[in-house]
Every structure is written in structure tokens, then in C-alpha cells.
Amino acid sequence: MAVKQIGRKVYKTMQGKTVDMDLLRQRNELTPAVGNAKVNARGDELGPGGKIIKKREEVLRDFYEDNVAPTEFEQSVKAPESEVSPEQTESVEMEAPAPKRRVGQTKAQAKVEDEWVEDNDGNFVKKGD
């Protein structure tokens, strides 16, 4: 069964030009947001000079650790040790997880992602800079 891809936000202007909103958002994700929020469009906390102090993933992790209690579904369920023998655990081969593919990602988006690399300070810069 084929996987239905999520529709991309591509609009046509009155003058006939196409505007790809996903690509536009991706190109400007390191641009500081307008206002006094001290974040970029991606959600990273910015310090003086626009340097990234705290990445978006760390901000979200801190929020969920403080504010959200795990639900019954999220709590890990372990099988009793008596039911699982050591032979069964050794016979299971561990495979490396396959790289995650973004749903609806196009070649243009993948190319934009390949143009940016992370430097030693955690900031994203274009390759070759």
C-alpha cells in the first residue's frame, strides 16, 4: 500500500510566481525572530550577537521534564524476568535503525539541508564558509 504524502504548501501569486512556504521556512530557520523573544525561527534560544545558547531540542526536553507527567501509555512495560530466558535474549540480533526519512521531503529540501553544516559553537553555516 502506498504511503500518502503530505501536501506541500506551494502557492501561486497573482502574477503567476510560485512560492514554496516549506522551502522558505527552511531557508530562514536561523534568522532571528522579530520581537523581543530572543529566538530564531527554528526555536533556538539566542544570546548576544545571535549565537545559539540553547538548541530547540534542549528547550523542549526541559519543558517536558518540568511540566508534563508521563501517561500510562508512555511508561515502559517490562516483561517479568522469569518469562524471558537468557537464550532468547542472545538469539535476538540487534540491527542498526534505518535512517529516518521525512515524509513529503523533496529533492530540493534535501539539497537545502545539505548546504548547511553545524560549526563548533552549534551554529549552522553554509558549507565552505
Protein backbone atom coordinates (compact mmCIF):
# COMPACT_ATOMS: atom_id res chain seq x y z
CA MET A 1 0.00 0.00 0.00
CA ALA A 2 1.41 3.35 -0.99
CA VAL A 3 2.10 5.94 1.66
CA LYS A 4 0.13 9.13 1.17
CA GLN A 5 2.44 12.09 1.13
CA ILE A 6 1.58 15.25 2.98
CA GLY A 7 0.69 18.12 0.67
CA ARG A 8 3.32 20.80 0.41
CA LYS A 9 2.50 24.45 0.89
CA VAL A 10 3.15 25.79 -2.61
CA TYR A 11 1.14 28.82 -3.60
CA LYS A 12 0.84 30.79 -6.82
CA THR A 13 0.78 34.54 -6.62
CA MET A 14 -1.49 36.76 -8.66
CA GLN A 15 1.45 37.38 -11.02
CA GLY A 16 1.96 33.63 -11.58
CA LYS A 17 5.05 33.17 -9.41
CA THR A 18 5.21 30.09 -7.20
CA VAL A 19 6.06 30.43 -3.51
CA ASP A 20 7.15 27.27 -1.67
CA MET A 21 6.40 28.03 2.00
CA ASP A 22 8.25 24.96 3.36
CA LEU A 23 11.42 25.85 1.46
CA LEU A 24 11.12 29.49 2.51
CA ARG A 25 10.75 28.50 6.18
CA GLN A 26 13.72 26.14 5.92
CA ARG A 27 15.98 28.76 4.33
CA ASN A 28 15.20 31.27 7.10
CA GLU A 29 15.20 29.00 10.14
CA LEU A 30 18.40 30.57 11.51
CA THR A 31 17.15 34.14 11.07
CA PRO A 32 16.35 35.82 14.42
CA ALA A 33 12.64 36.27 15.05
CA VAL A 34 11.09 39.73 15.07
CA GLY A 35 10.27 40.99 18.54
CA ASN A 36 11.80 40.50 21.96
CA ALA A 37 11.59 36.69 22.13
CA LYS A 38 15.37 36.12 21.66
CA VAL A 39 14.81 33.06 19.46
CA ASN A 40 15.32 32.21 15.82
CA ALA A 41 12.61 30.85 13.54
CA ARG A 42 13.59 27.29 14.48
CA GLY A 43 13.07 27.92 18.20
CA ASP A 44 16.70 28.00 19.41
CA GLU A 45 17.43 30.46 22.24
CA LEU A 46 19.81 33.19 21.10
CA GLY A 47 22.37 35.11 23.09
CA PRO A 48 24.36 38.25 22.33
CA GLY A 49 25.30 38.56 18.68
CA GLY A 50 22.74 35.98 17.63
CA LYS A 51 24.73 32.99 18.89
CA ILE A 52 22.73 29.90 19.78
CA ILE A 53 22.77 29.33 23.56
CA LYS A 54 20.26 26.51 23.81
CA LYS A 55 19.02 24.36 20.93
CA ARG A 56 15.35 23.76 20.32
CA GLU A 57 15.59 20.11 21.35
CA GLU A 58 17.06 21.08 24.75
CA VAL A 59 14.35 23.70 25.29
CA LEU A 60 11.62 21.16 24.55
CA ARG A 61 13.26 18.47 26.70
CA ASP A 62 13.48 20.86 29.66
CA PHE A 63 9.85 21.90 29.22
CA TYR A 64 8.53 18.35 29.12
CA GLU A 65 10.67 17.25 32.08
CA ASP A 66 9.21 20.06 34.20
CA ASN A 67 5.59 20.28 33.01
CA VAL A 68 4.35 17.03 31.53
CA ALA A 69 3.83 13.87 33.58
CA PRO A 70 4.17 10.58 31.68
CA THR A 71 0.90 8.90 30.83
CA GLU A 72 0.12 5.27 31.49
CA PHE A 73 0.82 4.52 27.82
CA GLU A 74 4.27 6.17 27.86
CA GLN A 75 5.55 4.27 30.89
CA SER A 76 7.73 1.37 29.85
CA VAL A 77 6.31 -2.06 30.37
CA LYS A 78 8.85 -4.75 31.21
CA ALA A 79 8.25 -8.47 30.92
CA PRO A 80 8.94 -10.37 34.12
CA GLU A 81 12.47 -11.75 34.07
CA SER A 82 11.27 -15.31 34.67
CA GLU A 83 9.43 -15.31 31.30
CA VAL A 84 12.49 -14.33 29.24
CA SER A 85 15.37 -16.79 29.25
CA PRO A 86 18.98 -15.78 28.51
CA GLU A 87 18.95 -17.94 25.36
CA GLN A 88 16.04 -15.92 23.98
CA THR A 89 17.78 -12.61 24.55
CA GLU A 90 21.01 -13.82 22.92
CA SER A 91 19.20 -15.18 19.86
CA VAL A 92 17.72 -11.79 19.02
CA GLU A 93 20.01 -9.90 16.67
CA MET A 94 20.14 -6.16 17.12
CA GLU A 95 20.08 -4.20 13.90
CA ALA A 96 21.04 -0.57 13.49
CA PRO A 97 17.94 1.55 12.98
CA ALA A 98 17.35 2.71 9.44
CA PRO A 99 17.90 6.43 8.90
CA LYS A 100 14.68 8.33 9.38
CA ARG A 101 13.16 9.77 6.25
CA ARG A 102 10.98 12.82 6.45
CA VAL A 103 7.54 12.36 4.99
CA GLY A 104 6.96 14.56 1.98
CA GLN A 105 10.59 15.68 1.69
CA THR A 106 11.62 16.59 -1.85
CA LYS A 107 15.00 16.67 -3.53
CA ALA A 108 15.04 20.48 -3.26
CA GLN A 109 14.52 20.32 0.51
CA ALA A 110 17.21 17.65 0.87
CA LYS A 111 19.59 19.84 -1.16
CA VAL A 112 18.90 22.85 1.11
CA GLU A 113 19.62 20.68 4.17
CA ASP A 114 22.92 19.51 2.63
CA GLU A 115 24.08 23.10 2.10
CA TRP A 116 24.18 23.80 5.86
CA VAL A 117 26.62 22.34 8.40
CA GLU A 118 26.94 22.84 12.14
CA ASP A 119 30.13 24.52 13.39
CA ASN A 120 31.89 24.02 16.75
CA ASP A 121 29.68 26.60 18.51
CA GLY A 122 26.47 24.84 17.44
CA ASN A 123 25.56 27.43 14.81
CA PHE A 124 24.58 26.39 11.29
CA VAL A 125 26.61 27.91 8.50
CA LYS A 126 26.73 27.31 4.75
CA LYS A 127 29.27 24.77 3.54
CA GLY A 128 32.55 26.37 2.52
CA ASP A 129 32.24 29.41 4.86
